[in-house]
Amino acid sequence: MAQVDGSYDCVTKSPMGDQKSVFTVNSDGDSFTGQNAGAMGSLDVQNGKVDGNKLTWTMDMKVPMPMTLECEATIDGDTLTGTIKAGAFGSMAMTGTRQG
């Protein structure tokens, strides 16, 4: 299994401009828990799944409007690349680098 645990400094390309956050991953076999925390608040990972170096999860956003975000990312070494699907806003690119 690939090492996916850690904290990642991330940038999401959103309709409101670049959103910086820290995404944390704590895996346990084929599942994981964590958070994505930034200027828009802190969102808990829900339904986090691990398949090798690929992560999938959802997050419930409340600001600026309530919606469930569908997320996926691939971890390659210390690099994270993925997408966040936000309903009618479509998919937003997310990139990150492992801290430390």
PDB file of N, CA and C in Angstrom:
ATOM      1  N   MET A   1       0.833  -1.172   0.000  1.00  0.00           N
ATOM      2  CA  MET A   1       0.000   0.000   0.000  1.00  0.00           C
ATOM      3  C   MET A   1       0.886   1.246   0.000  1.00  0.00           C
ATOM      4  N   ALA A   2       0.489   2.233  -0.782  1.00  0.00           N
ATOM      5  CA  ALA A   2       1.224   3.490  -0.859  1.00  0.00           C
ATOM      6  C   ALA A   2       1.059   4.283   0.431  1.00  0.00           C
ATOM      7  N   GLN A   3       2.056   5.053   0.776  1.00  0.00           N
ATOM      8  CA  GLN A   3       1.989   5.903   1.961  1.00  0.00           C
ATOM      9  C   GLN A   3       1.231   7.175   1.588  1.00  0.00           C
ATOM     10  N   VAL A   4       0.034   7.348   2.137  1.00  0.00           N
ATOM     11  CA  VAL A   4      -0.798   8.513   1.826  1.00  0.00           C
ATOM     12  C   VAL A   4      -0.979   9.430   3.032  1.00  0.00           C
ATOM     13  N   ASP A   5      -0.634   8.948   4.233  1.00  0.00           N
ATOM     14  CA  ASP A   5      -0.851   9.743   5.437  1.00  0.00           C
ATOM     15  C   ASP A   5       0.004  11.003   5.435  1.00  0.00           C
ATOM     16  N   GLY A   6      -0.542  12.044   6.044  1.00  0.00           N
ATOM     17  CA  GLY A   6       0.214  13.277   6.206  1.00  0.00           C
ATOM     18  C   GLY A   6      -0.668  14.491   6.051  1.00  0.00           C
ATOM     19  N   SER A   7      -0.026  15.649   6.081  1.00  0.00           N
ATOM     20  CA  SER A   7      -0.697  16.928   5.848  1.00  0.00           C
ATOM     21  C   SER A   7      -0.142  17.512   4.564  1.00  0.00           C
ATOM     22  N   TYR A   8      -1.023  18.043   3.736  1.00  0.00           N
ATOM     23  CA  TYR A   8      -0.656  18.571   2.430  1.00  0.00           C
ATOM     24  C   TYR A   8      -1.068  20.032   2.328  1.00  0.00           C
ATOM     25  N   ASP A   9      -0.144  20.895   1.901  1.00  0.00           N
ATOM     26  CA  ASP A   9      -0.477  22.281   1.578  1.00  0.00           C
ATOM     27  C   ASP A   9      -1.098  22.266   0.187  1.00  0.00           C
ATOM     28  N   CYS A  10      -2.370  22.653   0.103  1.00  0.00           N
ATOM     29  CA  CYS A  10      -3.114  22.513  -1.147  1.00  0.00           C
ATOM     30  C   CYS A  10      -3.628  23.850  -1.675  1.00  0.00           C
ATOM     31  N   VAL A  11      -3.879  23.860  -2.982  1.00  0.00           N
ATOM     32  CA  VAL A  11      -4.540  24.974  -3.655  1.00  0.00           C
ATOM     33  C   VAL A  11      -5.644  24.376  -4.517  1.00  0.00           C
ATOM     34  N   THR A  12      -6.862  24.909  -4.360  1.00  0.00           N
ATOM     35  CA  THR A  12      -7.994  24.509  -5.189  1.00  0.00           C
ATOM     36  C   THR A  12      -8.364  25.682  -6.078  1.00  0.00           C
ATOM     37  N   LYS A  13      -8.458  25.428  -7.385  1.00  0.00           N
ATOM     38  CA  LYS A  13      -8.831  26.459  -8.370  1.00  0.00           C
ATOM     39  C   LYS A  13     -10.351  26.563  -8.382  1.00  0.00           C
ATOM     40  N   SER A  14     -10.901  27.525  -7.630  1.00  0.00           N
ATOM     41  CA  SER A  14     -12.351  27.644  -7.502  1.00  0.00           C
ATOM     42  C   SER A  14     -12.858  28.868  -8.263  1.00  0.00           C
ATOM     43  N   PRO A  15     -14.189  28.954  -8.475  1.00  0.00           N
ATOM     44  CA  PRO A  15     -14.752  30.146  -9.119  1.00  0.00           C
ATOM     45  C   PRO A  15     -14.505  31.424  -8.303  1.00  0.00           C
ATOM     46  N   MET A  16     -14.176  31.275  -7.023  1.00  0.00           N
ATOM     47  CA  MET A  16     -13.893  32.427  -6.161  1.00  0.00           C
ATOM     48  C   MET A  16     -12.390  32.694  -6.063  1.00  0.00           C
ATOM     49  N   GLY A  17     -11.610  32.144  -6.977  1.00  0.00           N
ATOM     50  CA  GLY A  17     -10.162  32.309  -6.963  1.00  0.00           C
ATOM     51  C   GLY A  17      -9.484  31.133  -6.288  1.00  0.00           C
ATOM     52  N   ASP A  18      -8.169  31.178  -6.227  1.00  0.00           N
ATOM     53  CA  ASP A  18      -7.389  30.108  -5.608  1.00  0.00           C
ATOM     54  C   ASP A  18      -7.697  30.035  -4.115  1.00  0.00           C
ATOM     55  N   GLN A  19      -8.047  28.839  -3.640  1.00  0.00           N
ATOM     56  CA  GLN A  19      -8.350  28.607  -2.229  1.00  0.00           C
ATOM     57  C   GLN A  19      -7.244  27.743  -1.639  1.00  0.00           C
ATOM     58  N   LYS A  20      -6.477  28.314  -0.694  1.00  0.00           N
ATOM     59  CA  LYS A  20      -5.400  27.582  -0.031  1.00  0.00           C
ATOM     60  C   LYS A  20      -5.961  26.862   1.191  1.00  0.00           C
ATOM     61  N   SER A  21      -5.468  25.645   1.425  1.00  0.00           N
ATOM     62  CA  SER A  21      -5.924  24.861   2.571  1.00  0.00           C
ATOM     63  C   SER A  21      -4.846  23.869   2.976  1.00  0.00           C
ATOM     64  N   VAL A  22      -5.069  23.255   4.130  1.00  0.00           N
ATOM     65  CA  VAL A  22      -4.234  22.137   4.578  1.00  0.00           C
ATOM     66  C   VAL A  22      -5.155  20.924   4.651  1.00  0.00           C
ATOM     67  N   PHE A  23      -4.823  19.899   3.887  1.00  0.00           N
ATOM     68  CA  PHE A  23      -5.601  18.662   3.811  1.00  0.00           C
ATOM     69  C   PHE A  23      -4.852  17.598   4.592  1.00  0.00           C
ATOM     70  N   THR A  24      -5.508  17.017   5.613  1.00  0.00           N
ATOM     71  CA  THR A  24      -4.870  15.967   6.409  1.00  0.00           C
ATOM     72  C   THR A  24      -5.488  14.619   6.094  1.00  0.00           C
ATOM     73  N   VAL A  25      -4.645  13.581   6.069  1.00  0.00           N
ATOM     74  CA  VAL A  25      -5.061  12.213   5.765  1.00  0.00           C
ATOM     75  C   VAL A  25      -4.529  11.294   6.858  1.00  0.00           C
ATOM     76  N   ASN A  26      -5.421  10.519   7.462  1.00  0.00           N
ATOM     77  CA  ASN A  26      -5.065   9.496   8.452  1.00  0.00           C
ATOM     78  C   ASN A  26      -5.710   8.192   8.004  1.00  0.00           C
ATOM     79  N   SER A  27      -4.943   7.337   7.325  1.00  0.00           N
ATOM     80  CA  SER A  27      -5.510   6.119   6.747  1.00  0.00           C
ATOM     81  C   SER A  27      -5.539   4.977   7.755  1.00  0.00           C
ATOM     82  N   ASP A  28      -6.453   4.052   7.489  1.00  0.00           N
ATOM     83  CA  ASP A  28      -6.585   2.830   8.275  1.00  0.00           C
ATOM     84  C   ASP A  28      -7.038   1.745   7.304  1.00  0.00           C
ATOM     85  N   GLY A  29      -6.069   1.093   6.658  1.00  0.00           N
ATOM     86  CA  GLY A  29      -6.412   0.080   5.655  1.00  0.00           C
ATOM     87  C   GLY A  29      -6.979   0.734   4.415  1.00  0.00           C
ATOM     88  N   ASP A  30      -8.224   0.372   4.064  1.00  0.00           N
ATOM     89  CA  ASP A  30      -8.830   0.903   2.846  1.00  0.00           C
ATOM     90  C   ASP A  30      -9.746   2.101   3.106  1.00  0.00           C
ATOM     91  N   SER A  31      -9.608   2.728   4.281  1.00  0.00           N
ATOM     92  CA  SER A  31     -10.400   3.919   4.583  1.00  0.00           C
ATOM     93  C   SER A  31      -9.489   4.988   5.196  1.00  0.00           C
ATOM     94  N   PHE A  32      -9.996   6.226   5.263  1.00  0.00           N
ATOM     95  CA  PHE A  32      -9.233   7.286   5.915  1.00  0.00           C
ATOM     96  C   PHE A  32     -10.162   8.337   6.486  1.00  0.00           C
ATOM     97  N   THR A  33      -9.647   9.069   7.470  1.00  0.00           N
ATOM     98  CA  THR A  33     -10.319  10.220   8.039  1.00  0.00           C
ATOM     99  C   THR A  33      -9.409  11.419   7.838  1.00  0.00           C
ATOM    100  N   GLY A  34      -9.941  12.602   8.013  1.00  0.00           N
ATOM    101  CA  GLY A  34      -9.127  13.796   7.875  1.00  0.00           C
ATOM    102  C   GLY A  34      -9.967  15.042   7.772  1.00  0.00           C
ATOM    103  N   GLN A  35      -9.304  16.139   7.395  1.00  0.00           N
ATOM    104  CA  GLN A  35      -9.943  17.441   7.258  1.00  0.00           C
ATOM    105  C   GLN A  35      -9.289  18.212   6.130  1.00  0.00           C
ATOM    106  N   ASN A  36     -10.054  19.178   5.615  1.00  0.00           N
ATOM    107  CA  ASN A  36      -9.499  20.169   4.702  1.00  0.00           C
ATOM    108  C   ASN A  36      -9.811  21.524   5.321  1.00  0.00           C
ATOM    109  N   ALA A  37      -8.783  22.213   5.827  1.00  0.00           N
ATOM    110  CA  ALA A  37      -8.981  23.456   6.572  1.00  0.00           C
ATOM    111  C   ALA A  37      -8.315  24.622   5.854  1.00  0.00           C
ATOM    112  N   GLY A  38      -9.094  25.707   5.691  1.00  0.00           N
ATOM    113  CA  GLY A  38      -8.569  26.904   5.047  1.00  0.00           C
ATOM    114  C   GLY A  38      -9.389  28.116   5.425  1.00  0.00           C
ATOM    115  N   ALA A  39      -9.308  29.159   4.610  1.00  0.00           N
ATOM    116  CA  ALA A  39     -10.001  30.418   4.886  1.00  0.00           C
ATOM    117  C   ALA A  39     -11.519  30.253   4.935  1.00  0.00           C
ATOM    118  N   MET A  40     -12.051  29.248   4.254  1.00  0.00           N
ATOM    119  CA  MET A  40     -13.503  29.023   4.220  1.00  0.00           C
ATOM    120  C   MET A  40     -13.965  28.135   5.380  1.00  0.00           C
ATOM    121  N   GLY A  41     -13.058  27.803   6.284  1.00  0.00           N
ATOM    122  CA  GLY A  41     -13.404  26.953   7.418  1.00  0.00           C
ATOM    123  C   GLY A  41     -12.764  25.591   7.307  1.00  0.00           C
ATOM    124  N   SER A  42     -13.208  24.678   8.154  1.00  0.00           N
ATOM    125  CA  SER A  42     -12.668  23.329   8.207  1.00  0.00           C
ATOM    126  C   SER A  42     -13.761  22.329   7.846  1.00  0.00           C
ATOM    127  N   LEU A  43     -13.482  21.483   6.870  1.00  0.00           N
ATOM    128  CA  LEU A  43     -14.442  20.469   6.421  1.00  0.00           C
ATOM    129  C   LEU A  43     -13.903  19.090   6.750  1.00  0.00           C
ATOM    130  N   ASP A  44     -14.718  18.275   7.415  1.00  0.00           N
ATOM    131  CA  ASP A  44     -14.324  16.913   7.745  1.00  0.00           C
ATOM    132  C   ASP A  44     -14.515  15.980   6.558  1.00  0.00           C
ATOM    133  N   VAL A  45     -13.573  15.049   6.383  1.00  0.00           N
ATOM    134  CA  VAL A  45     -13.685  14.003   5.375  1.00  0.00           C
ATOM    135  C   VAL A  45     -14.807  13.059   5.777  1.00  0.00           C
ATOM    136  N   GLN A  46     -15.652  12.711   4.824  1.00  0.00           N
ATOM    137  CA  GLN A  46     -16.686  11.703   5.020  1.00  0.00           C
ATOM    138  C   GLN A  46     -16.514  10.634   3.956  1.00  0.00           C
ATOM    139  N   ASN A  47     -16.802   9.394   4.305  1.00  0.00           N
ATOM    140  CA  ASN A  47     -16.727   8.277   3.356  1.00  0.00           C
ATOM    141  C   ASN A  47     -15.357   8.171   2.697  1.00  0.00           C
ATOM    142  N   GLY A  48     -14.274   8.441   3.441  1.00  0.00           N
ATOM    143  CA  GLY A  48     -12.929   8.388   2.880  1.00  0.00           C
ATOM    144  C   GLY A  48     -12.508   6.968   2.548  1.00  0.00           C
ATOM    145  N   LYS A  49     -12.096   6.758   1.303  1.00  0.00           N
ATOM    146  CA  LYS A  49     -11.655   5.442   0.847  1.00  0.00           C
ATOM    147  C   LYS A  49     -10.253   5.552   0.245  1.00  0.00           C
ATOM    148  N   VAL A  50      -9.446   4.509   0.482  1.00  0.00           N
ATOM    149  CA  VAL A  50      -8.085   4.430  -0.045  1.00  0.00           C
ATOM    150  C   VAL A  50      -7.993   3.219  -0.957  1.00  0.00           C
ATOM    151  N   ASP A  51      -7.500   3.413  -2.178  1.00  0.00           N
ATOM    152  CA  ASP A  51      -7.254   2.324  -3.120  1.00  0.00           C
ATOM    153  C   ASP A  51      -5.848   2.533  -3.673  1.00  0.00           C
ATOM    154  N   GLY A  52      -4.858   1.903  -3.024  1.00  0.00           N
ATOM    155  CA  GLY A  52      -3.459   2.127  -3.404  1.00  0.00           C
ATOM    156  C   GLY A  52      -3.069   3.549  -3.066  1.00  0.00           C
ATOM    157  N   ASN A  53      -2.782   4.366  -4.095  1.00  0.00           N
ATOM    158  CA  ASN A  53      -2.437   5.764  -3.866  1.00  0.00           C
ATOM    159  C   ASN A  53      -3.566   6.716  -4.268  1.00  0.00           C
ATOM    160  N   LYS A  54      -4.775   6.164  -4.487  1.00  0.00           N
ATOM    161  CA  LYS A  54      -5.925   6.987  -4.862  1.00  0.00           C
ATOM    162  C   LYS A  54      -6.874   7.131  -3.670  1.00  0.00           C
ATOM    163  N   LEU A  55      -7.293   8.368  -3.409  1.00  0.00           N
ATOM    164  CA  LEU A  55      -8.234   8.673  -2.338  1.00  0.00           C
ATOM    165  C   LEU A  55      -9.540   9.179  -2.941  1.00  0.00           C
ATOM    166  N   THR A  56     -10.669   8.770  -2.362  1.00  0.00           N
ATOM    167  CA  THR A  56     -11.971   9.339  -2.712  1.00  0.00           C
ATOM    168  C   THR A  56     -12.697   9.656  -1.414  1.00  0.00           C
ATOM    169  N   TRP A  57     -13.456  10.756  -1.403  1.00  0.00           N
ATOM    170  CA  TRP A  57     -14.174  11.168  -0.199  1.00  0.00           C
ATOM    171  C   TRP A  57     -15.211  12.225  -0.542  1.00  0.00           C
ATOM    172  N   THR A  58     -16.065  12.542   0.429  1.00  0.00           N
ATOM    173  CA  THR A  58     -16.994  13.652   0.305  1.00  0.00           C
ATOM    174  C   THR A  58     -16.792  14.587   1.490  1.00  0.00           C
ATOM    175  N   MET A  59     -17.236  15.837   1.316  1.00  0.00           N
ATOM    176  CA  MET A  59     -17.214  16.832   2.387  1.00  0.00           C
ATOM    177  C   MET A  59     -18.489  17.657   2.274  1.00  0.00           C
ATOM    178  N   ASP A  60     -19.109  17.982   3.395  1.00  0.00           N
ATOM    179  CA  ASP A  60     -20.296  18.832   3.405  1.00  0.00           C
ATOM    180  C   ASP A  60     -19.889  20.273   3.653  1.00  0.00           C
ATOM    181  N   MET A  61     -20.095  21.110   2.631  1.00  0.00           N
ATOM    182  CA  MET A  61     -19.755  22.525   2.704  1.00  0.00           C
ATOM    183  C   MET A  61     -20.985  23.307   3.162  1.00  0.00           C
ATOM    184  N   LYS A  62     -20.786  24.322   3.968  1.00  0.00           N
ATOM    185  CA  LYS A  62     -21.897  25.167   4.415  1.00  0.00           C
ATOM    186  C   LYS A  62     -21.765  26.604   3.922  1.00  0.00           C
ATOM    187  N   VAL A  63     -20.525  27.076   3.676  1.00  0.00           N
ATOM    188  CA  VAL A  63     -20.262  28.444   3.234  1.00  0.00           C
ATOM    189  C   VAL A  63     -19.564  28.400   1.887  1.00  0.00           C
ATOM    190  N   PRO A  64     -19.918  29.161   0.878  1.00  0.00           N
ATOM    191  CA  PRO A  64     -20.939  30.193   0.891  1.00  0.00           C
ATOM    192  C   PRO A  64     -22.363  29.661   0.700  1.00  0.00           C
ATOM    193  N   MET A  65     -22.504  28.367   0.400  1.00  0.00           N
ATOM    194  CA  MET A  65     -23.827  27.760   0.292  1.00  0.00           C
ATOM    195  C   MET A  65     -23.711  26.281   0.613  1.00  0.00           C
ATOM    196  N   PRO A  66     -24.770  25.676   1.136  1.00  0.00           N
ATOM    197  CA  PRO A  66     -24.686  24.249   1.485  1.00  0.00           C
ATOM    198  C   PRO A  66     -24.638  23.352   0.243  1.00  0.00           C
ATOM    199  N   MET A  67     -23.697  22.426   0.242  1.00  0.00           N
ATOM    200  CA  MET A  67     -23.609  21.400  -0.806  1.00  0.00           C
ATOM    201  C   MET A  67     -22.617  20.332  -0.386  1.00  0.00           C
ATOM    202  N   THR A  68     -22.760  19.158  -0.971  1.00  0.00           N
ATOM    203  CA  THR A  68     -21.813  18.066  -0.742  1.00  0.00           C
ATOM    204  C   THR A  68     -20.790  18.072  -1.866  1.00  0.00           C
ATOM    205  N   LEU A  69     -19.535  18.107  -1.499  1.00  0.00           N
ATOM    206  CA  LEU A  69     -18.439  18.071  -2.460  1.00  0.00           C
ATOM    207  C   LEU A  69     -17.976  16.637  -2.643  1.00  0.00           C
ATOM    208  N   GLU A  70     -17.798  16.216  -3.892  1.00  0.00           N
ATOM    209  CA  GLU A  70     -17.279  14.884  -4.206  1.00  0.00           C
ATOM    210  C   GLU A  70     -15.831  15.052  -4.632  1.00  0.00           C
ATOM    211  N   CYS A  71     -14.917  14.359  -3.935  1.00  0.00           N
ATOM    212  CA  CYS A  71     -13.490  14.607  -4.115  1.00  0.00           C
ATOM    213  C   CYS A  71     -12.724  13.330  -4.444  1.00  0.00           C
ATOM    214  N   GLU A  72     -11.652  13.515  -5.194  1.00  0.00           N
ATOM    215  CA  GLU A  72     -10.717  12.410  -5.444  1.00  0.00           C
ATOM    216  C   GLU A  72      -9.332  12.990  -5.648  1.00  0.00           C
ATOM    217  N   ALA A  73      -8.333  12.223  -5.239  1.00  0.00           N
ATOM    218  CA  ALA A  73      -6.947  12.665  -5.390  1.00  0.00           C
ATOM    219  C   ALA A  73      -6.038  11.457  -5.516  1.00  0.00           C
ATOM    220  N   THR A  74      -4.920  11.685  -6.186  1.00  0.00           N
ATOM    221  CA  THR A  74      -3.872  10.683  -6.302  1.00  0.00           C
ATOM    222  C   THR A  74      -2.633  11.240  -5.630  1.00  0.00           C
ATOM    223  N   ILE A  75      -1.991  10.403  -4.818  1.00  0.00           N
ATOM    224  CA  ILE A  75      -0.756  10.784  -4.122  1.00  0.00           C
ATOM    225  C   ILE A  75       0.403  10.085  -4.829  1.00  0.00           C
ATOM    226  N   ASP A  76       1.365  10.876  -5.291  1.00  0.00           N
ATOM    227  CA  ASP A  76       2.557  10.335  -5.940  1.00  0.00           C
ATOM    228  C   ASP A  76       3.760  10.900  -5.193  1.00  0.00           C
ATOM    229  N   GLY A  77       4.317  10.101  -4.282  1.00  0.00           N
ATOM    230  CA  GLY A  77       5.401  10.591  -3.434  1.00  0.00           C
ATOM    231  C   GLY A  77       4.858  11.647  -2.485  1.00  0.00           C
ATOM    232  N   ASP A  78       5.330  12.882  -2.635  1.00  0.00           N
ATOM    233  CA  ASP A  78       4.868  13.987  -1.795  1.00  0.00           C
ATOM    234  C   ASP A  78       3.920  14.920  -2.538  1.00  0.00           C
ATOM    235  N   THR A  79       3.456  14.508  -3.711  1.00  0.00           N
ATOM    236  CA  THR A  79       2.598  15.355  -4.541  1.00  0.00           C
ATOM    237  C   THR A  79       1.177  14.815  -4.594  1.00  0.00           C
ATOM    238  N   LEU A  80       0.213  15.713  -4.415  1.00  0.00           N
ATOM    239  CA  LEU A  80      -1.206  15.381  -4.491  1.00  0.00           C
ATOM    240  C   LEU A  80      -1.808  16.097  -5.697  1.00  0.00           C
ATOM    241  N   THR A  81      -2.548  15.379  -6.530  1.00  0.00           N
ATOM    242  CA  THR A  81      -3.313  15.991  -7.619  1.00  0.00           C
ATOM    243  C   THR A  81      -4.709  15.402  -7.580  1.00  0.00           C
ATOM    244  N   GLY A  82      -5.712  16.245  -7.773  1.00  0.00           N
ATOM    245  CA  GLY A  82      -7.075  15.733  -7.719  1.00  0.00           C
ATOM    246  C   GLY A  82      -8.093  16.735  -8.190  1.00  0.00           C
ATOM    247  N   THR A  83      -9.365  16.384  -7.944  1.00  0.00           N
ATOM    248  CA  THR A  83     -10.476  17.244  -8.313  1.00  0.00           C
ATOM    249  C   THR A  83     -11.508  17.256  -7.199  1.00  0.00           C
ATOM    250  N   ILE A  84     -12.207  18.374  -7.131  1.00  0.00           N
ATOM    251  CA  ILE A  84     -13.330  18.534  -6.227  1.00  0.00           C
ATOM    252  C   ILE A  84     -14.526  18.903  -7.085  1.00  0.00           C
ATOM    253  N   LYS A  85     -15.572  18.076  -7.044  1.00  0.00           N
ATOM    254  CA  LYS A  85     -16.787  18.345  -7.815  1.00  0.00           C
ATOM    255  C   LYS A  85     -17.782  19.050  -6.900  1.00  0.00           C
ATOM    256  N   ALA A  86     -18.227  20.224  -7.349  1.00  0.00           N
ATOM    257  CA  ALA A  86     -19.107  21.060  -6.538  1.00  0.00           C
ATOM    258  C   ALA A  86     -20.415  21.329  -7.270  1.00  0.00           C
ATOM    259  N   GLY A  87     -21.221  20.287  -7.448  1.00  0.00           N
ATOM    260  CA  GLY A  87     -22.540  20.436  -8.053  1.00  0.00           C
ATOM    261  C   GLY A  87     -22.508  21.188  -9.369  1.00  0.00           C
ATOM    262  N   ALA A  88     -23.343  22.219  -9.487  1.00  0.00           N
ATOM    263  CA  ALA A  88     -23.467  22.992 -10.729  1.00  0.00           C
ATOM    264  C   ALA A  88     -22.199  23.769 -11.068  1.00  0.00           C
ATOM    265  N   PHE A  89     -21.280  23.924 -10.098  1.00  0.00           N
ATOM    266  CA  PHE A  89     -20.031  24.642 -10.354  1.00  0.00           C
ATOM    267  C   PHE A  89     -19.023  23.773 -11.094  1.00  0.00           C
ATOM    268  N   GLY A  90     -19.300  22.479 -11.221  1.00  0.00           N
ATOM    269  CA  GLY A  90     -18.421  21.576 -11.946  1.00  0.00           C
ATOM    270  C   GLY A  90     -17.224  21.144 -11.124  1.00  0.00           C
ATOM    271  N   SER A  91     -16.174  20.706 -11.831  1.00  0.00           N
ATOM    272  CA  SER A  91     -14.970  20.188 -11.188  1.00  0.00           C
ATOM    273  C   SER A  91     -13.914  21.274 -11.051  1.00  0.00           C
ATOM    274  N   MET A  92     -13.242  21.272  -9.905  1.00  0.00           N
ATOM    275  CA  MET A  92     -12.164  22.223  -9.654  1.00  0.00           C
ATOM    276  C   MET A  92     -10.896  21.424  -9.381  1.00  0.00           C
ATOM    277  N   ALA A  93      -9.789  21.858  -9.970  1.00  0.00           N
ATOM    278  CA  ALA A  93      -8.505  21.184  -9.773  1.00  0.00           C
ATOM    279  C   ALA A  93      -7.962  21.481  -8.386  1.00  0.00           C
ATOM    280  N   MET A  94      -7.381  20.441  -7.766  1.00  0.00           N
ATOM    281  CA  MET A  94      -6.745  20.571  -6.458  1.00  0.00           C
ATOM    282  C   MET A  94      -5.336  19.993  -6.572  1.00  0.00           C
ATOM    283  N   THR A  95      -4.333  20.765  -6.129  1.00  0.00           N
ATOM    284  CA  THR A  95      -2.957  20.284  -6.125  1.00  0.00           C
ATOM    285  C   THR A  95      -2.367  20.534  -4.743  1.00  0.00           C
ATOM    286  N   GLY A  96      -1.394  19.722  -4.373  1.00  0.00           N
ATOM    287  CA  GLY A  96      -0.793  19.906  -3.063  1.00  0.00           C
ATOM    288  C   GLY A  96       0.563  19.240  -2.928  1.00  0.00           C
ATOM    289  N   THR A  97       1.263  19.630  -1.869  1.00  0.00           N
ATOM    290  CA  THR A  97       2.569  19.085  -1.530  1.00  0.00           C
ATOM    291  C   THR A  97       2.576  18.708  -0.062  1.00  0.00           C
ATOM    292  N   ARG A  98       3.076  17.503   0.235  1.00  0.00           N
ATOM    293  CA  ARG A  98       3.140  17.030   1.616  1.00  0.00           C
ATOM    294  C   ARG A  98       4.045  17.961   2.448  1.00  0.00           C
ATOM    295  N   GLN A  99       3.581  18.281   3.649  1.00  0.00           N
ATOM    296  CA  GLN A  99       4.379  19.094   4.574  1.00  0.00           C
ATOM    297  C   GLN A  99       5.496  18.257   5.177  1.00  0.00           C
ATOM    298  N   GLY A 100       6.602  18.947   5.531  1.00  0.00           N
ATOM    299  CA  GLY A 100       7.673  18.323   6.301  1.00  0.00           C
ATOM    300  C   GLY A 100       8.513  17.417   5.558  1.00  0.00           C
TER     301      GLY A 100
END
